[in-house]
């Protein structure tokens, strides 16, 4: 009976095994599937920093914080750090602002990194719409920095898992960087997805609108 029980248990060990095709291990990021996972993650982080999750507990988004500052919203809630926005009592190290600032940088670096990964590992990068999509999201993060934060934002990156501190850009330089990302997105737009603008002829060879 003991032998039979052991054989039964051994045969059933794989019954709970599951296939998880959406799980990408760290070592598998340098693959087409890994590059696509980075793209999806960048979209998530961009949406999260823009919208927050609505809980008003350390996860406010740019929409709410800028709405408080611009008096679009009449009531900021009860969290002290957001009340400071509403009452113009900003102090150094405001937790809500710090959190959004760092999450916006995360969205920036992830979108730029996803664009680079797709260019390197996508099966057909010349026709991959994810590349201009990521460059466009990166451009929008620079617009948000220019519009929502004081002039002189430092843009850093990570190289070989080590932080590399970048230059401190003023508002106009941040907007110029955003334009550069949008121009790169237009150049990377697959031909099948190009839409001629009102002042662009389909035969002109210009990329038009993506």
N, C-alpha and C. Protein backbone atom coordinates (compact mmCIF):
# COMPACT_ATOMS: atom_id res chain seq x y z
N UNK A 1 0.82 -1.21 0.00
CA UNK A 1 0.00 0.00 0.00
C UNK A 1 0.86 1.26 0.00
N UNK A 2 1.97 1.22 0.77
CA UNK A 2 2.86 2.39 0.80
C UNK A 2 3.47 2.63 -0.57
N UNK A 3 3.90 1.54 -1.23
CA UNK A 3 4.50 1.68 -2.56
C UNK A 3 3.48 2.25 -3.54
N UNK A 4 2.24 1.74 -3.48
CA UNK A 4 1.19 2.22 -4.38
C UNK A 4 0.90 3.69 -4.14
N UNK A 5 0.86 4.10 -2.88
CA UNK A 5 0.60 5.50 -2.55
C UNK A 5 1.72 6.40 -3.07
N UNK A 6 2.96 5.95 -2.91
CA UNK A 6 4.10 6.74 -3.38
C UNK A 6 4.06 6.91 -4.88
N UNK A 7 3.71 5.83 -5.60
CA UNK A 7 3.62 5.91 -7.06
C UNK A 7 2.50 6.85 -7.48
N UNK A 8 1.39 6.83 -6.76
CA UNK A 8 0.26 7.70 -7.09
C UNK A 8 0.62 9.16 -6.88
N UNK A 9 1.29 9.44 -5.74
CA UNK A 9 1.69 10.82 -5.47
C UNK A 9 2.72 11.31 -6.48
N UNK A 10 3.63 10.42 -6.85
CA UNK A 10 4.64 10.80 -7.82
C UNK A 10 4.04 11.11 -9.18
N UNK A 11 3.04 10.34 -9.58
CA UNK A 11 2.40 10.57 -10.88
C UNK A 11 1.61 11.86 -10.90
N UNK A 12 1.13 12.28 -9.73
CA UNK A 12 0.30 13.48 -9.68
C UNK A 12 1.05 14.76 -9.42
N UNK A 13 2.39 14.68 -9.33
CA UNK A 13 3.17 15.88 -9.00
C UNK A 13 3.05 16.95 -10.06
N UNK A 14 2.83 16.57 -11.30
CA UNK A 14 2.77 17.56 -12.37
C UNK A 14 1.38 18.11 -12.63
N UNK A 15 0.39 17.66 -11.86
CA UNK A 15 -0.98 18.10 -12.11
C UNK A 15 -1.16 19.59 -11.87
N UNK A 16 -0.38 20.13 -10.94
CA UNK A 16 -0.52 21.55 -10.60
C UNK A 16 0.45 22.44 -11.38
N UNK A 17 1.28 21.85 -12.24
CA UNK A 17 2.18 22.66 -13.05
C UNK A 17 1.37 23.45 -14.08
N UNK A 18 1.74 24.70 -14.27
CA UNK A 18 1.01 25.56 -15.22
C UNK A 18 1.98 26.18 -16.20
N UNK A 19 1.47 26.44 -17.37
CA UNK A 19 2.24 27.14 -18.39
C UNK A 19 1.99 28.64 -18.23
N UNK A 20 3.04 29.41 -18.08
CA UNK A 20 2.91 30.86 -17.89
C UNK A 20 3.62 31.59 -19.02
N UNK A 21 2.97 31.71 -20.18
CA UNK A 21 3.65 32.30 -21.34
C UNK A 21 3.92 33.78 -21.19
N UNK A 22 3.22 34.46 -20.28
CA UNK A 22 3.40 35.90 -20.13
C UNK A 22 4.51 36.27 -19.15
N UNK A 23 5.12 35.29 -18.51
CA UNK A 23 6.17 35.56 -17.54
C UNK A 23 7.52 35.56 -18.27
N UNK A 24 8.20 36.70 -18.22
CA UNK A 24 9.52 36.83 -18.82
C UNK A 24 10.55 36.97 -17.71
N UNK A 25 11.45 36.01 -17.64
CA UNK A 25 12.51 36.08 -16.65
C UNK A 25 13.53 37.16 -17.04
N UNK A 26 14.26 37.71 -16.04
CA UNK A 26 15.24 38.76 -16.36
C UNK A 26 16.21 38.38 -17.46
N UNK A 27 16.61 37.14 -17.51
CA UNK A 27 17.55 36.72 -18.55
C UNK A 27 16.95 36.62 -19.93
N UNK A 28 15.62 36.74 -20.03
CA UNK A 28 14.96 36.61 -21.33
C UNK A 28 14.53 37.92 -21.93
N UNK A 29 15.02 39.05 -21.40
CA UNK A 29 14.60 40.35 -21.92
C UNK A 29 15.20 40.65 -23.28
N UNK A 30 16.36 40.08 -23.58
CA UNK A 30 17.01 40.34 -24.86
C UNK A 30 16.50 39.37 -25.92
N UNK A 31 15.19 39.34 -26.06
CA UNK A 31 14.49 38.50 -27.04
C UNK A 31 13.30 39.29 -27.56
N UNK A 32 12.69 38.86 -28.66
CA UNK A 32 11.48 39.56 -29.13
C UNK A 32 10.39 39.62 -28.07
N UNK A 33 10.21 38.50 -27.35
CA UNK A 33 9.20 38.49 -26.29
C UNK A 33 9.58 39.42 -25.15
N UNK A 34 10.87 39.46 -24.82
CA UNK A 34 11.31 40.35 -23.75
C UNK A 34 11.15 41.80 -24.11
N UNK A 35 11.45 42.16 -25.36
CA UNK A 35 11.28 43.54 -25.81
C UNK A 35 9.81 43.94 -25.76
N UNK A 36 8.93 43.02 -26.13
CA UNK A 36 7.50 43.32 -26.07
C UNK A 36 7.04 43.49 -24.63
N UNK A 37 7.60 42.68 -23.72
CA UNK A 37 7.25 42.82 -22.31
C UNK A 37 7.69 44.19 -21.78
N UNK A 38 8.84 44.67 -22.21
CA UNK A 38 9.29 46.01 -21.80
C UNK A 38 8.35 47.08 -22.33
N UNK A 39 7.85 46.90 -23.54
CA UNK A 39 6.90 47.86 -24.10
C UNK A 39 5.61 47.93 -23.27
N UNK A 40 5.08 46.77 -22.92
CA UNK A 40 3.86 46.73 -22.12
C UNK A 40 4.10 47.34 -20.74
N UNK A 41 5.25 47.05 -20.15
CA UNK A 41 5.57 47.64 -18.86
C UNK A 41 5.70 49.15 -18.92
N UNK A 42 6.27 49.67 -20.01
CA UNK A 42 6.40 51.11 -20.16
C UNK A 42 5.05 51.78 -20.28
N UNK A 43 4.13 51.15 -21.00
CA UNK A 43 2.76 51.70 -21.12
C UNK A 43 2.10 51.76 -19.75
N UNK A 44 2.27 50.69 -18.96
CA UNK A 44 1.70 50.67 -17.62
C UNK A 44 2.25 51.80 -16.77
N UNK A 45 3.56 51.97 -16.77
CA UNK A 45 4.16 52.99 -15.92
C UNK A 45 3.80 54.40 -16.37
N UNK A 46 3.69 54.60 -17.67
CA UNK A 46 3.28 55.92 -18.17
C UNK A 46 1.84 56.23 -17.74
N UNK A 47 0.94 55.27 -17.91
CA UNK A 47 -0.44 55.49 -17.50
C UNK A 47 -0.58 55.69 -16.00
N UNK A 48 0.25 54.98 -15.23
CA UNK A 48 0.16 55.09 -13.78
C UNK A 48 0.61 56.45 -13.29
N UNK A 49 1.72 56.98 -13.84
CA UNK A 49 2.18 58.28 -13.38
C UNK A 49 1.26 59.39 -13.87
N UNK A 50 0.62 59.21 -14.99
CA UNK A 50 -0.29 60.23 -15.50
C UNK A 50 -1.60 60.25 -14.72
N UNK A 51 -2.16 59.08 -14.47
CA UNK A 51 -3.50 59.01 -13.87
C UNK A 51 -3.50 58.65 -12.40
N UNK A 52 -2.43 58.01 -11.89
CA UNK A 52 -2.48 57.48 -10.54
C UNK A 52 -3.46 56.33 -10.46
N UNK A 53 -3.82 55.94 -9.25
CA UNK A 53 -4.81 54.87 -9.11
C UNK A 53 -6.07 55.34 -8.40
N UNK A 54 -6.17 56.64 -8.13
CA UNK A 54 -7.39 57.18 -7.54
C UNK A 54 -7.53 56.97 -6.05
N UNK A 55 -6.50 56.41 -5.40
CA UNK A 55 -6.66 56.09 -3.98
C UNK A 55 -6.29 57.26 -3.07
N UNK A 56 -5.54 58.23 -3.60
CA UNK A 56 -5.05 59.36 -2.79
C UNK A 56 -4.21 58.91 -1.60
N UNK A 57 -3.54 57.82 -1.74
CA UNK A 57 -2.66 57.36 -0.66
C UNK A 57 -1.27 57.12 -1.27
N UNK A 58 -0.60 58.19 -1.63
CA UNK A 58 0.74 58.09 -2.16
C UNK A 58 0.82 57.67 -3.61
N UNK A 59 -0.30 57.54 -4.30
CA UNK A 59 -0.29 57.13 -5.70
C UNK A 59 -1.07 58.11 -6.55
N UNK A 60 -0.97 59.39 -6.23
CA UNK A 60 -1.62 60.40 -7.06
C UNK A 60 -0.92 60.46 -8.41
N UNK A 61 -1.65 60.91 -9.40
CA UNK A 61 -1.07 61.07 -10.72
C UNK A 61 -0.91 62.54 -11.09
N UNK A 62 -0.26 62.77 -12.22
CA UNK A 62 -0.06 64.14 -12.68
C UNK A 62 -1.38 64.86 -12.91
N UNK A 63 -2.40 64.14 -13.35
CA UNK A 63 -3.69 64.77 -13.62
C UNK A 63 -4.24 65.43 -12.36
N UNK A 64 -4.16 64.71 -11.23
CA UNK A 64 -4.71 65.26 -10.00
C UNK A 64 -3.83 66.36 -9.43
N UNK A 65 -2.52 66.16 -9.43
CA UNK A 65 -1.64 67.16 -8.83
C UNK A 65 -1.67 68.47 -9.61
N UNK A 66 -1.61 68.40 -10.92
CA UNK A 66 -1.66 69.62 -11.71
C UNK A 66 -3.06 70.23 -11.67
N UNK A 67 -4.09 69.38 -11.53
CA UNK A 67 -5.45 69.92 -11.39
C UNK A 67 -5.62 70.69 -10.10
N UNK A 68 -4.98 70.21 -9.02
CA UNK A 68 -5.01 70.95 -7.76
C UNK A 68 -4.28 72.29 -7.89
N UNK A 69 -3.12 72.26 -8.53
CA UNK A 69 -2.35 73.49 -8.68
C UNK A 69 -3.05 74.50 -9.57
N UNK A 70 -3.75 74.01 -10.59
CA UNK A 70 -4.42 74.90 -11.53
C UNK A 70 -5.86 75.22 -11.17
N UNK A 71 -6.31 74.78 -9.99
CA UNK A 71 -7.68 75.02 -9.51
C UNK A 71 -8.74 74.41 -10.42
N UNK A 72 -8.39 73.37 -11.16
CA UNK A 72 -9.42 72.62 -11.89
C UNK A 72 -10.29 71.85 -10.91
N UNK A 73 -9.70 71.40 -9.80
CA UNK A 73 -10.42 70.64 -8.79
C UNK A 73 -10.71 71.54 -7.60
N UNK A 74 -11.87 71.37 -7.03
CA UNK A 74 -12.30 72.22 -5.90
C UNK A 74 -11.89 71.64 -4.56
N UNK A 75 -11.59 70.34 -4.51
CA UNK A 75 -11.27 69.73 -3.23
C UNK A 75 -10.15 68.72 -3.45
N UNK A 76 -9.06 68.88 -2.73
CA UNK A 76 -7.88 68.04 -2.95
C UNK A 76 -7.91 66.76 -2.15
N UNK A 77 -8.87 66.57 -1.27
CA UNK A 77 -8.90 65.40 -0.43
C UNK A 77 -8.34 65.70 0.95
N UNK A 78 -7.93 64.66 1.66
CA UNK A 78 -7.52 64.83 3.05
C UNK A 78 -6.06 64.50 3.30
N UNK A 79 -5.33 64.03 2.29
CA UNK A 79 -3.92 63.69 2.47
C UNK A 79 -3.12 64.98 2.60
N UNK A 80 -2.33 65.14 3.67
CA UNK A 80 -1.61 66.41 3.89
C UNK A 80 -0.78 66.88 2.71
N UNK A 81 -0.10 65.96 2.02
CA UNK A 81 0.77 66.38 0.92
C UNK A 81 -0.02 66.94 -0.25
N UNK A 82 -1.27 66.47 -0.46
CA UNK A 82 -2.08 67.03 -1.53
C UNK A 82 -2.79 68.30 -1.08
N UNK A 83 -3.09 68.40 0.21
CA UNK A 83 -3.68 69.64 0.74
C UNK A 83 -2.69 70.79 0.55
N UNK A 84 -1.40 70.50 0.67
CA UNK A 84 -0.39 71.53 0.46
C UNK A 84 -0.49 72.13 -0.95
N UNK A 85 -0.78 71.29 -1.93
CA UNK A 85 -0.95 71.79 -3.29
C UNK A 85 -2.14 72.74 -3.34
N UNK A 86 -3.24 72.31 -2.76
CA UNK A 86 -4.47 73.09 -2.83
C UNK A 86 -4.32 74.43 -2.13
N UNK A 87 -3.56 74.47 -1.04
CA UNK A 87 -3.42 75.70 -0.26
C UNK A 87 -2.13 76.46 -0.58
N UNK A 88 -1.40 76.02 -1.59
CA UNK A 88 -0.15 76.68 -1.99
C UNK A 88 0.84 76.73 -0.82
N UNK A 89 0.90 75.65 -0.05
CA UNK A 89 1.81 75.59 1.09
C UNK A 89 2.89 74.54 0.83
N UNK A 90 3.44 74.56 -0.37
CA UNK A 90 4.42 73.56 -0.73
C UNK A 90 5.68 73.68 0.13
N UNK A 91 6.15 72.56 0.57
CA UNK A 91 7.38 72.50 1.39
C UNK A 91 8.34 71.54 0.70
N UNK A 92 9.65 71.63 1.01
CA UNK A 92 10.60 70.68 0.42
C UNK A 92 10.23 69.24 0.77
N UNK A 93 10.51 68.34 -0.16
CA UNK A 93 10.27 66.91 0.06
C UNK A 93 8.79 66.59 0.25
N UNK A 94 7.94 67.26 -0.52
CA UNK A 94 6.53 66.88 -0.53
C UNK A 94 6.41 65.45 -1.06
N UNK A 95 5.83 64.56 -0.28
CA UNK A 95 5.84 63.14 -0.63
C UNK A 95 5.08 62.85 -1.92
N UNK A 96 3.97 63.54 -2.14
CA UNK A 96 3.20 63.30 -3.37
C UNK A 96 3.99 63.74 -4.59
N UNK A 97 4.59 64.92 -4.52
CA UNK A 97 5.35 65.44 -5.64
C UNK A 97 6.60 64.60 -5.89
N UNK A 98 7.30 64.22 -4.84
CA UNK A 98 8.49 63.39 -5.00
C UNK A 98 8.14 62.07 -5.70
N UNK A 99 7.04 61.46 -5.29
CA UNK A 99 6.65 60.18 -5.84
C UNK A 99 6.34 60.31 -7.33
N UNK A 100 5.58 61.33 -7.70
CA UNK A 100 5.23 61.52 -9.11
C UNK A 100 6.48 61.85 -9.93
N UNK A 101 7.36 62.66 -9.37
CA UNK A 101 8.58 63.05 -10.08
C UNK A 101 9.42 61.82 -10.42
N UNK A 102 9.62 60.93 -9.45
CA UNK A 102 10.44 59.75 -9.69
C UNK A 102 9.73 58.76 -10.61
N UNK A 103 8.40 58.64 -10.47
CA UNK A 103 7.68 57.74 -11.36
C UNK A 103 7.66 58.24 -12.80
N UNK A 104 7.67 59.56 -12.99
CA UNK A 104 7.74 60.11 -14.34
C UNK A 104 9.10 59.81 -14.97
N UNK A 105 10.16 59.90 -14.16
CA UNK A 105 11.48 59.51 -14.67
C UNK A 105 11.51 58.02 -15.01
N UNK A 106 10.85 57.21 -14.20
CA UNK A 106 10.80 55.77 -14.49
C UNK A 106 10.08 55.54 -15.82
N UNK A 107 8.97 56.21 -16.04
CA UNK A 107 8.25 56.06 -17.30
C UNK A 107 9.11 56.51 -18.48
N UNK A 108 9.88 57.57 -18.28
CA UNK A 108 10.77 58.07 -19.34
C UNK A 108 11.83 57.03 -19.71
N UNK A 109 12.53 56.53 -18.70
CA UNK A 109 13.61 55.59 -18.98
C UNK A 109 13.09 54.26 -19.52
N UNK A 110 11.93 53.82 -19.02
CA UNK A 110 11.38 52.56 -19.51
C UNK A 110 10.92 52.66 -20.96
N UNK A 111 10.29 53.78 -21.32
CA UNK A 111 9.83 53.93 -22.70
C UNK A 111 11.02 54.04 -23.66
N UNK A 112 12.05 54.79 -23.26
CA UNK A 112 13.23 54.89 -24.11
C UNK A 112 13.95 53.54 -24.20
N UNK A 113 14.02 52.82 -23.07
CA UNK A 113 14.65 51.51 -23.08
C UNK A 113 13.87 50.50 -23.90
N UNK A 114 12.54 50.58 -23.86
CA UNK A 114 11.71 49.66 -24.65
C UNK A 114 11.89 49.93 -26.14
N UNK A 115 11.99 51.21 -26.52
CA UNK A 115 12.23 51.53 -27.93
C UNK A 115 13.56 50.95 -28.40
N UNK A 116 14.60 51.08 -27.57
CA UNK A 116 15.90 50.53 -27.91
C UNK A 116 15.85 49.01 -28.01
N UNK A 117 15.14 48.37 -27.08
CA UNK A 117 15.04 46.90 -27.09
C UNK A 117 14.28 46.42 -28.33
N UNK A 118 13.22 47.11 -28.70
CA UNK A 118 12.47 46.71 -29.89
C UNK A 118 13.31 46.89 -31.15
N UNK A 119 14.08 47.96 -31.22
CA UNK A 119 14.96 48.15 -32.37
C UNK A 119 15.99 47.04 -32.48
N UNK A 120 16.43 46.52 -31.34
CA UNK A 120 17.48 45.51 -31.35
C UNK A 120 16.95 44.09 -31.49
N UNK A 121 15.77 43.80 -30.92
CA UNK A 121 15.35 42.40 -30.81
C UNK A 121 14.01 42.08 -31.47
N UNK A 122 13.26 43.07 -31.92
CA UNK A 122 12.00 42.77 -32.59
C UNK A 122 12.26 41.99 -33.87
N UNK A 123 11.34 41.12 -34.25
CA UNK A 123 11.54 40.29 -35.43
C UNK A 123 11.60 41.12 -36.70
N UNK A 124 10.81 42.19 -36.76
CA UNK A 124 10.79 43.06 -37.94
C UNK A 124 10.74 44.51 -37.46
N UNK A 125 11.85 45.04 -36.99
CA UNK A 125 11.82 46.38 -36.39
C UNK A 125 11.39 47.48 -37.35
N UNK A 126 11.63 47.30 -38.65
CA UNK A 126 11.25 48.34 -39.60
C UNK A 126 9.74 48.49 -39.71
N UNK A 127 9.00 47.48 -39.32
CA UNK A 127 7.54 47.53 -39.38
C UNK A 127 6.90 47.33 -38.01
N UNK A 128 7.65 47.63 -36.97
CA UNK A 128 7.14 47.45 -35.61
C UNK A 128 6.59 48.78 -35.09
N UNK A 129 5.27 48.85 -34.93
CA UNK A 129 4.64 50.10 -34.48
C UNK A 129 4.94 50.42 -33.03
N UNK A 130 5.47 49.46 -32.28
CA UNK A 130 5.80 49.72 -30.89
C UNK A 130 6.95 50.69 -30.72
N UNK A 131 7.84 50.76 -31.71
CA UNK A 131 9.00 51.66 -31.58
C UNK A 131 8.56 53.12 -31.60
N UNK A 132 7.80 53.60 -32.60
CA UNK A 132 7.33 54.98 -32.53
C UNK A 132 6.40 55.23 -31.35
N UNK A 133 5.67 54.21 -30.94
CA UNK A 133 4.80 54.35 -29.77
C UNK A 133 5.62 54.67 -28.53
N UNK A 134 6.71 53.94 -28.32
CA UNK A 134 7.56 54.17 -27.15
C UNK A 134 8.27 55.52 -27.23
N UNK A 135 8.73 55.89 -28.42
CA UNK A 135 9.38 57.19 -28.58
C UNK A 135 8.40 58.33 -28.32
N UNK A 136 7.16 58.13 -28.71
CA UNK A 136 6.14 59.16 -28.46
C UNK A 136 5.86 59.31 -26.97
N UNK A 137 5.76 58.18 -26.27
CA UNK A 137 5.56 58.25 -24.82
C UNK A 137 6.74 58.92 -24.14
N UNK A 138 7.95 58.60 -24.60
CA UNK A 138 9.13 59.26 -24.04
C UNK A 138 9.06 60.76 -24.27
N UNK A 139 8.65 61.18 -25.47
CA UNK A 139 8.51 62.59 -25.75
C UNK A 139 7.52 63.27 -24.83
N UNK A 140 6.42 62.59 -24.55
CA UNK A 140 5.41 63.17 -23.66
C UNK A 140 5.94 63.34 -22.25
N UNK A 141 6.81 62.44 -21.79
CA UNK A 141 7.37 62.61 -20.45
C UNK A 141 8.20 63.89 -20.37
N UNK A 142 8.95 64.20 -21.44
CA UNK A 142 9.72 65.46 -21.44
C UNK A 142 8.81 66.67 -21.46
N UNK A 143 7.67 66.56 -22.15
CA UNK A 143 6.69 67.65 -22.13
C UNK A 143 6.16 67.86 -20.72
N UNK A 144 5.85 66.76 -20.03
CA UNK A 144 5.34 66.86 -18.66
C UNK A 144 6.38 67.49 -17.74
N UNK A 145 7.64 67.10 -17.89
CA UNK A 145 8.69 67.71 -17.07
C UNK A 145 8.77 69.21 -17.33
N UNK A 146 8.69 69.59 -18.60
CA UNK A 146 8.81 71.01 -18.95
C UNK A 146 7.62 71.82 -18.44
N UNK A 147 6.43 71.25 -18.50
CA UNK A 147 5.23 72.00 -18.15
C UNK A 147 4.92 71.98 -16.65
N UNK A 148 5.30 70.89 -15.98
CA UNK A 148 4.83 70.69 -14.61
C UNK A 148 5.89 70.86 -13.54
N UNK A 149 7.16 71.00 -13.93
CA UNK A 149 8.23 71.11 -12.94
C UNK A 149 9.10 72.33 -13.25
N UNK A 150 9.79 72.79 -12.23
CA UNK A 150 10.64 73.97 -12.39
C UNK A 150 11.75 73.69 -13.40
N UNK A 151 12.24 74.76 -14.01
CA UNK A 151 13.32 74.64 -14.98
C UNK A 151 14.58 74.11 -14.32
N UNK A 152 15.27 73.22 -15.03
CA UNK A 152 16.50 72.65 -14.49
C UNK A 152 16.35 71.21 -14.04
N UNK A 153 15.63 70.40 -14.81
CA UNK A 153 15.44 68.99 -14.47
C UNK A 153 16.66 68.19 -14.92
N UNK A 154 17.16 67.34 -14.06
CA UNK A 154 18.29 66.48 -14.40
C UNK A 154 17.77 65.15 -14.95
N UNK A 155 18.26 64.78 -16.12
CA UNK A 155 17.83 63.54 -16.77
C UNK A 155 18.97 62.53 -16.71
N UNK A 156 18.78 61.49 -15.91
CA UNK A 156 19.81 60.47 -15.74
C UNK A 156 19.38 59.18 -16.41
N UNK A 157 20.28 58.24 -16.47
CA UNK A 157 20.01 56.94 -17.08
C UNK A 157 20.78 55.86 -16.33
N UNK A 158 20.58 54.63 -16.77
CA UNK A 158 21.29 53.49 -16.17
C UNK A 158 22.08 52.77 -17.25
N UNK A 159 23.36 52.60 -17.01
CA UNK A 159 24.23 51.89 -17.95
C UNK A 159 24.93 50.77 -17.19
N UNK A 160 24.72 49.54 -17.65
CA UNK A 160 25.29 48.37 -16.98
C UNK A 160 24.90 48.34 -15.50
N UNK A 161 23.64 48.63 -15.25
CA UNK A 161 23.07 48.60 -13.89
C UNK A 161 23.65 49.67 -12.98
N UNK A 162 24.31 50.67 -13.56
CA UNK A 162 24.88 51.75 -12.75
C UNK A 162 24.25 53.08 -13.18
N UNK A 163 23.91 53.93 -12.21
CA UNK A 163 23.31 55.22 -12.58
C UNK A 163 24.33 56.14 -13.24
N UNK A 164 23.89 56.80 -14.30
CA UNK A 164 24.71 57.79 -14.99
C UNK A 164 23.94 59.11 -14.95
N UNK A 165 24.46 60.07 -14.22
CA UNK A 165 23.76 61.33 -14.04
C UNK A 165 23.94 62.19 -15.28
N UNK A 166 22.81 62.60 -15.83
CA UNK A 166 22.82 63.36 -17.06
C UNK A 166 22.81 64.86 -16.83
N UNK A 167 22.62 65.62 -17.90
CA UNK A 167 22.66 67.08 -17.79
C UNK A 167 21.39 67.64 -17.17
N UNK A 168 21.51 68.84 -16.65
CA UNK A 168 20.37 69.56 -16.11
C UNK A 168 19.84 70.47 -17.21
N UNK A 169 18.62 70.21 -17.68
CA UNK A 169 18.06 70.95 -18.81
C UNK A 169 17.03 71.96 -18.34
N UNK A 170 17.04 73.13 -18.97
CA UNK A 170 16.01 74.12 -18.66
C UNK A 170 14.73 73.76 -19.40
N UNK A 171 13.71 74.57 -19.24
CA UNK A 171 12.39 74.25 -19.81
C UNK A 171 12.45 74.13 -21.33
N UNK A 172 13.09 75.07 -22.00
CA UNK A 172 13.17 75.02 -23.45
C UNK A 172 13.95 73.82 -23.94
N UNK A 173 15.01 73.46 -23.24
CA UNK A 173 15.80 72.29 -23.62
C UNK A 173 15.00 71.01 -23.43
N UNK A 174 14.17 70.96 -22.40
CA UNK A 174 13.31 69.78 -22.20
C UNK A 174 12.31 69.66 -23.35
N UNK A 175 11.74 70.80 -23.77
CA UNK A 175 10.80 70.76 -24.88
C UNK A 175 11.50 70.40 -26.19
N UNK A 176 12.72 70.88 -26.37
CA UNK A 176 13.49 70.51 -27.57
C UNK A 176 13.76 69.01 -27.59
N UNK A 177 14.05 68.44 -26.42
CA UNK A 177 14.27 66.99 -26.34
C UNK A 177 12.99 66.24 -26.67
N UNK A 178 11.85 66.76 -26.21
CA UNK A 178 10.57 66.13 -26.55
C UNK A 178 10.36 66.14 -28.05
N UNK A 179 10.65 67.27 -28.70
CA UNK A 179 10.48 67.37 -30.15
C UNK A 179 11.38 66.36 -30.86
N UNK A 180 12.60 66.22 -30.36
CA UNK A 180 13.52 65.24 -30.95
C UNK A 180 12.96 63.82 -30.85
N UNK A 181 12.34 63.49 -29.72
CA UNK A 181 11.75 62.15 -29.58
C UNK A 181 10.57 61.99 -30.55
N UNK A 182 9.74 63.03 -30.69
CA UNK A 182 8.61 62.94 -31.61
C UNK A 182 9.09 62.82 -33.06
N UNK A 183 10.14 63.54 -33.42
CA UNK A 183 10.71 63.41 -34.77
C UNK A 183 11.23 61.99 -35.01
N UNK A 184 11.87 61.43 -33.99
CA UNK A 184 12.35 60.05 -34.11
C UNK A 184 11.19 59.08 -34.27
N UNK A 185 10.09 59.35 -33.58
CA UNK A 185 8.90 58.50 -33.71
C UNK A 185 8.35 58.55 -35.13
N UNK A 186 8.32 59.73 -35.73
CA UNK A 186 7.85 59.85 -37.10
C UNK A 186 8.74 59.08 -38.06
N UNK A 187 10.04 59.18 -37.86
CA UNK A 187 10.96 58.48 -38.75
C UNK A 187 10.85 56.96 -38.58
N UNK A 188 10.50 56.51 -37.38
CA UNK A 188 10.39 55.07 -37.12
C UNK A 188 9.02 54.51 -37.46
N UNK A 189 8.10 55.37 -37.85
CA UNK A 189 6.73 54.91 -38.13
C UNK A 189 6.73 53.97 -39.33
N UNK A 190 6.14 52.78 -39.21
CA UNK A 190 6.08 51.85 -40.35
C UNK A 190 5.32 52.47 -41.52
N UNK A 191 5.76 52.25 -42.75
CA UNK A 191 5.08 52.84 -43.92
C UNK A 191 3.59 52.54 -43.96
N UNK A 192 3.20 51.35 -43.52
CA UNK A 192 1.78 50.99 -43.58
C UNK A 192 0.92 51.79 -42.64
N UNK A 193 1.53 52.48 -41.68
CA UNK A 193 0.77 53.24 -40.68
C UNK A 193 0.89 54.74 -40.87
N UNK A 194 1.53 55.18 -41.94
CA UNK A 194 1.69 56.61 -42.16
C UNK A 194 0.45 57.21 -42.80
N UNK A 195 0.02 58.33 -42.26
CA UNK A 195 -1.16 59.03 -42.75
C UNK A 195 -0.72 60.41 -43.21
N UNK A 196 -0.87 60.72 -44.50
CA UNK A 196 -0.45 62.05 -44.96
C UNK A 196 -1.22 63.14 -44.25
N UNK A 197 -0.52 64.19 -43.84
CA UNK A 197 -1.18 65.34 -43.24
C UNK A 197 -1.68 66.26 -44.34
N UNK A 198 -2.40 67.32 -43.94
CA UNK A 198 -3.02 68.20 -44.93
C UNK A 198 -2.00 68.88 -45.82
N UNK A 199 -0.77 69.07 -45.30
CA UNK A 199 0.26 69.75 -46.09
C UNK A 199 1.35 68.79 -46.56
N UNK A 200 1.02 67.49 -46.57
CA UNK A 200 2.00 66.50 -46.98
C UNK A 200 1.39 65.64 -48.08
N UNK A 201 2.03 65.60 -49.20
CA UNK A 201 1.55 64.78 -50.31
C UNK A 201 1.97 63.34 -50.10
N UNK A 202 1.09 62.39 -50.44
CA UNK A 202 1.47 60.98 -50.28
C UNK A 202 2.69 60.62 -51.13
N UNK A 203 2.96 61.41 -52.16
CA UNK A 203 4.08 61.10 -53.04
C UNK A 203 5.32 61.92 -52.71
N UNK A 204 5.24 62.71 -51.66
CA UNK A 204 6.35 63.61 -51.35
C UNK A 204 7.51 62.90 -50.67
N UNK A 205 7.25 61.72 -50.16
CA UNK A 205 8.29 61.01 -49.45
C UNK A 205 8.42 61.38 -48.00
N UNK A 206 7.67 62.37 -47.53
CA UNK A 206 7.72 62.76 -46.14
C UNK A 206 6.92 61.77 -45.30
N UNK A 207 7.28 61.60 -44.04
CA UNK A 207 6.62 60.56 -43.24
C UNK A 207 5.17 60.85 -42.95
N UNK A 208 4.78 62.13 -42.86
CA UNK A 208 3.40 62.43 -42.51
C UNK A 208 3.12 62.10 -41.06
N UNK A 209 1.88 61.78 -40.76
CA UNK A 209 1.45 61.52 -39.39
C UNK A 209 1.37 60.02 -39.18
N UNK A 210 1.82 59.57 -38.01
CA UNK A 210 1.87 58.13 -37.72
C UNK A 210 0.64 57.74 -36.92
